[in-house]
Structures are given as structure tokens and as C-alpha cells.
Amino acid sequence: MEAVIRKWGNSPALRLPSAVMKSAAFDLEQHVIVTATKGRIVIEPVSQPEYKLEDLLAAMTDNNAHDAVDFGGPMGQESL
């Protein structure tokens, strides 16, 4: 598929057709890494770190735990 690099403000821009986005399984607002090597531009998704609850809880100490916060009683139609 052919596309044209155009000016967008002070920067060059390339519009990605919907078919390319769908084929690459990219979404709008998705964070990506852009690299340029040997005349090629590569766009890759940013990999999301995977967290395990056990690891996060194991890292908690008295020094990094916050105090309980009281936001007051229910207001309006809230049910607790």
C-alpha cells in the first residue's frame, strides 16, 4: 500500500490507513516505539509490564504503605 508523507505543523506526518491499523492490530491512542534503521521505519507496540499481585504485595513495607483515608460518609444515592 502506498502513502504520502505530508507536513503536519512543523513535522512530517504519515497517515496510516485503517486497513494497516487493523492488520497490525493497533488501536488509536496506543503507545508505540518508532525506530529508523537502514532506510526503514519500524513501528512496534509498547509492551505493557505484567504485574503479579503477590509480587506487589511482597514489596510493601511500613515505609512505603500509605495511611488509611476517610472520605466521609455516603452522600446522595450511594449504597455501601
N, C-alpha and C. Protein backbone atom coordinates (compact mmCIF):
# COMPACT_ATOMS: atom_id res chain seq x y z
N MET A 1 0.85 -1.17 0.00
CA MET A 1 0.00 0.00 0.00
C MET A 1 0.90 1.24 0.00
N GLU A 2 0.63 2.17 -0.85
CA GLU A 2 1.43 3.38 -0.97
C GLU A 2 0.78 4.53 -0.19
N ALA A 3 1.61 5.36 0.42
CA ALA A 3 1.13 6.52 1.17
C ALA A 3 2.07 7.68 0.90
N VAL A 4 1.69 8.88 1.30
CA VAL A 4 2.49 10.08 1.07
C VAL A 4 2.80 10.74 2.41
N ILE A 5 4.06 11.09 2.62
CA ILE A 5 4.46 11.83 3.82
C ILE A 5 4.13 13.30 3.57
N ARG A 6 3.38 13.90 4.48
CA ARG A 6 2.97 15.29 4.34
C ARG A 6 3.41 16.08 5.57
N LYS A 7 3.26 17.38 5.48
CA LYS A 7 3.61 18.25 6.59
C LYS A 7 2.42 18.39 7.54
N TRP A 8 2.69 18.30 8.84
CA TRP A 8 1.67 18.49 9.86
C TRP A 8 2.29 19.41 10.89
N GLY A 9 1.91 20.67 10.87
CA GLY A 9 2.58 21.68 11.70
C GLY A 9 4.00 21.85 11.19
N ASN A 10 4.97 21.68 12.07
CA ASN A 10 6.38 21.76 11.65
C ASN A 10 7.00 20.39 11.43
N SER A 11 6.21 19.34 11.50
CA SER A 11 6.75 17.98 11.41
C SER A 11 6.18 17.24 10.21
N PRO A 12 6.94 16.28 9.70
CA PRO A 12 6.39 15.40 8.66
C PRO A 12 5.44 14.41 9.32
N ALA A 13 4.42 13.99 8.59
CA ALA A 13 3.44 13.05 9.13
C ALA A 13 3.04 12.04 8.06
N LEU A 14 2.74 10.85 8.52
CA LEU A 14 2.27 9.79 7.63
C LEU A 14 0.96 9.25 8.19
N ARG A 15 -0.09 9.32 7.41
CA ARG A 15 -1.38 8.79 7.86
C ARG A 15 -1.39 7.29 7.60
N LEU A 16 -1.82 6.55 8.61
CA LEU A 16 -1.91 5.11 8.46
C LEU A 16 -3.35 4.73 8.09
N PRO A 17 -3.52 4.05 6.98
CA PRO A 17 -4.87 3.64 6.59
C PRO A 17 -5.47 2.68 7.62
N SER A 18 -6.78 2.67 7.72
CA SER A 18 -7.48 1.80 8.67
C SER A 18 -7.12 0.34 8.46
N ALA A 19 -6.95 -0.06 7.21
CA ALA A 19 -6.61 -1.46 6.91
C ALA A 19 -5.25 -1.83 7.50
N VAL A 20 -4.30 -0.89 7.48
CA VAL A 20 -2.98 -1.14 8.06
C VAL A 20 -3.09 -1.24 9.58
N MET A 21 -3.84 -0.33 10.19
CA MET A 21 -4.05 -0.37 11.63
C MET A 21 -4.67 -1.69 12.06
N LYS A 22 -5.67 -2.13 11.31
CA LYS A 22 -6.36 -3.38 11.63
C LYS A 22 -5.42 -4.57 11.45
N SER A 23 -4.67 -4.58 10.36
CA SER A 23 -3.75 -5.68 10.08
C SER A 23 -2.66 -5.78 11.15
N ALA A 24 -2.20 -4.63 11.65
CA ALA A 24 -1.15 -4.61 12.68
C ALA A 24 -1.73 -4.76 14.08
N ALA A 25 -3.04 -4.78 14.20
CA ALA A 25 -3.74 -4.87 15.48
C ALA A 25 -3.39 -3.70 16.40
N PHE A 26 -3.29 -2.49 15.82
CA PHE A 26 -3.03 -1.27 16.58
C PHE A 26 -4.35 -0.56 16.84
N ASP A 27 -4.39 0.20 17.93
CA ASP A 27 -5.57 0.99 18.28
C ASP A 27 -5.20 2.46 18.33
N LEU A 28 -6.20 3.33 18.20
CA LEU A 28 -5.97 4.76 18.38
C LEU A 28 -5.50 5.00 19.81
N GLU A 29 -4.62 5.96 20.01
CA GLU A 29 -4.07 6.34 21.31
C GLU A 29 -3.13 5.28 21.90
N GLN A 30 -2.82 4.23 21.13
CA GLN A 30 -1.91 3.20 21.62
C GLN A 30 -0.48 3.74 21.61
N HIS A 31 0.28 3.43 22.62
CA HIS A 31 1.68 3.85 22.67
C HIS A 31 2.52 2.90 21.84
N VAL A 32 3.42 3.48 21.05
CA VAL A 32 4.27 2.69 20.17
C VAL A 32 5.72 3.17 20.27
N ILE A 33 6.62 2.33 19.82
CA ILE A 33 8.04 2.68 19.71
C ILE A 33 8.34 2.80 18.22
N VAL A 34 8.95 3.92 17.83
CA VAL A 34 9.30 4.14 16.44
C VAL A 34 10.83 4.13 16.33
N THR A 35 11.35 3.27 15.45
CA THR A 35 12.79 3.21 15.22
C THR A 35 13.06 3.32 13.73
N ALA A 36 14.20 3.88 13.40
CA ALA A 36 14.61 4.01 12.00
C ALA A 36 15.99 3.36 11.85
N THR A 37 16.08 2.42 10.92
CA THR A 37 17.33 1.71 10.67
C THR A 37 17.44 1.39 9.19
N LYS A 38 18.56 1.73 8.60
CA LYS A 38 18.86 1.38 7.20
C LYS A 38 17.72 1.75 6.25
N GLY A 39 17.22 2.97 6.37
CA GLY A 39 16.19 3.44 5.44
C GLY A 39 14.80 2.88 5.70
N ARG A 40 14.58 2.26 6.84
CA ARG A 40 13.26 1.71 7.18
C ARG A 40 12.77 2.33 8.49
N ILE A 41 11.48 2.53 8.58
CA ILE A 41 10.86 2.99 9.81
C ILE A 41 10.02 1.83 10.33
N VAL A 42 10.26 1.47 11.58
CA VAL A 42 9.54 0.35 12.19
C VAL A 42 8.72 0.89 13.36
N ILE A 43 7.44 0.52 13.38
CA ILE A 43 6.53 0.92 14.46
C ILE A 43 6.13 -0.34 15.21
N GLU A 44 6.44 -0.37 16.51
CA GLU A 44 6.13 -1.54 17.32
C GLU A 44 5.34 -1.11 18.56
N PRO A 45 4.42 -1.96 19.01
CA PRO A 45 3.67 -1.62 20.21
C PRO A 45 4.58 -1.62 21.43
N VAL A 46 4.29 -0.74 22.37
CA VAL A 46 5.00 -0.75 23.65
C VAL A 46 4.44 -1.91 24.44
N SER A 47 5.31 -2.77 24.92
CA SER A 47 4.83 -3.91 25.70
C SER A 47 4.49 -3.44 27.11
N GLN A 48 3.34 -3.83 27.57
CA GLN A 48 2.88 -3.47 28.90
C GLN A 48 3.52 -4.39 29.92
N PRO A 49 4.06 -3.84 30.99
CA PRO A 49 4.63 -4.71 32.03
C PRO A 49 3.52 -5.53 32.68
N GLU A 50 3.83 -6.77 33.00
CA GLU A 50 2.86 -7.63 33.68
C GLU A 50 3.20 -7.66 35.16
N TYR A 51 2.22 -7.32 35.97
CA TYR A 51 2.40 -7.29 37.41
C TYR A 51 1.65 -8.46 38.04
N LYS A 52 2.24 -9.06 39.03
CA LYS A 52 1.57 -10.10 39.80
C LYS A 52 1.26 -9.52 41.17
N LEU A 53 0.05 -9.74 41.64
CA LEU A 53 -0.38 -9.19 42.91
C LEU A 53 0.54 -9.63 44.04
N GLU A 54 0.96 -10.90 44.00
CA GLU A 54 1.83 -11.40 45.07
C GLU A 54 3.13 -10.61 45.13
N ASP A 55 3.71 -10.29 43.96
CA ASP A 55 4.96 -9.53 43.92
C ASP A 55 4.77 -8.10 44.43
N LEU A 56 3.66 -7.49 44.06
CA LEU A 56 3.39 -6.13 44.51
C LEU A 56 3.18 -6.09 46.03
N LEU A 57 2.43 -7.05 46.54
CA LEU A 57 2.20 -7.09 47.98
C LEU A 57 3.47 -7.41 48.74
N ALA A 58 4.33 -8.26 48.18
CA ALA A 58 5.58 -8.62 48.84
C ALA A 58 6.51 -7.41 48.95
N ALA A 59 6.36 -6.46 48.05
CA ALA A 59 7.22 -5.27 48.06
C ALA A 59 6.73 -4.21 49.04
N MET A 60 5.55 -4.40 49.62
CA MET A 60 5.02 -3.41 50.57
C MET A 60 5.75 -3.50 51.90
N THR A 61 6.07 -2.34 52.45
CA THR A 61 6.68 -2.26 53.77
C THR A 61 5.96 -1.18 54.56
N ASP A 62 6.29 -1.06 55.84
CA ASP A 62 5.71 0.01 56.65
C ASP A 62 6.13 1.38 56.13
N ASN A 63 7.30 1.45 55.47
CA ASN A 63 7.81 2.73 54.96
C ASN A 63 7.11 3.20 53.69
N ASN A 64 6.61 2.26 52.86
CA ASN A 64 6.00 2.70 51.60
C ASN A 64 4.48 2.52 51.56
N ALA A 65 3.88 2.08 52.67
CA ALA A 65 2.42 1.95 52.73
C ALA A 65 1.82 3.28 53.19
N HIS A 66 0.74 3.69 52.58
CA HIS A 66 0.10 4.94 52.98
C HIS A 66 -0.93 4.68 54.07
N ASP A 67 -1.29 5.73 54.77
CA ASP A 67 -2.29 5.64 55.82
C ASP A 67 -3.67 5.53 55.20
N ALA A 68 -4.61 5.01 55.97
CA ALA A 68 -5.99 4.93 55.51
C ALA A 68 -6.54 6.34 55.33
N VAL A 69 -7.43 6.50 54.35
CA VAL A 69 -8.03 7.80 54.07
C VAL A 69 -9.53 7.69 54.28
N ASP A 70 -10.09 8.63 55.03
CA ASP A 70 -11.53 8.65 55.27
C ASP A 70 -12.14 9.76 54.42
N PHE A 71 -13.00 9.38 53.50
CA PHE A 71 -13.65 10.35 52.63
C PHE A 71 -15.02 10.77 53.15
N GLY A 72 -15.35 10.36 54.37
CA GLY A 72 -16.62 10.72 54.94
C GLY A 72 -17.69 9.70 54.62
N GLY A 73 -18.88 9.95 55.11
CA GLY A 73 -19.99 9.03 54.90
C GLY A 73 -20.57 9.15 53.50
N PRO A 74 -21.49 8.25 53.17
CA PRO A 74 -22.13 8.28 51.86
C PRO A 74 -22.93 9.56 51.65
N MET A 75 -22.96 10.01 50.41
CA MET A 75 -23.74 11.20 50.06
C MET A 75 -24.65 10.83 48.89
N GLY A 76 -25.81 11.39 48.86
CA GLY A 76 -26.70 11.13 47.73
C GLY A 76 -27.27 9.73 47.77
N GLN A 77 -27.25 9.03 46.64
CA GLN A 77 -27.88 7.73 46.48
C GLN A 77 -26.88 6.57 46.59
N GLU A 78 -25.70 6.82 47.19
CA GLU A 78 -24.71 5.75 47.30
C GLU A 78 -25.19 4.70 48.27
N SER A 79 -24.81 3.47 48.02
CA SER A 79 -25.09 2.40 48.98
C SER A 79 -23.78 1.70 49.29
N LEU A 80 -23.60 1.39 50.56
CA LEU A 80 -22.37 0.73 50.99
C LEU A 80 -22.64 -0.67 51.42
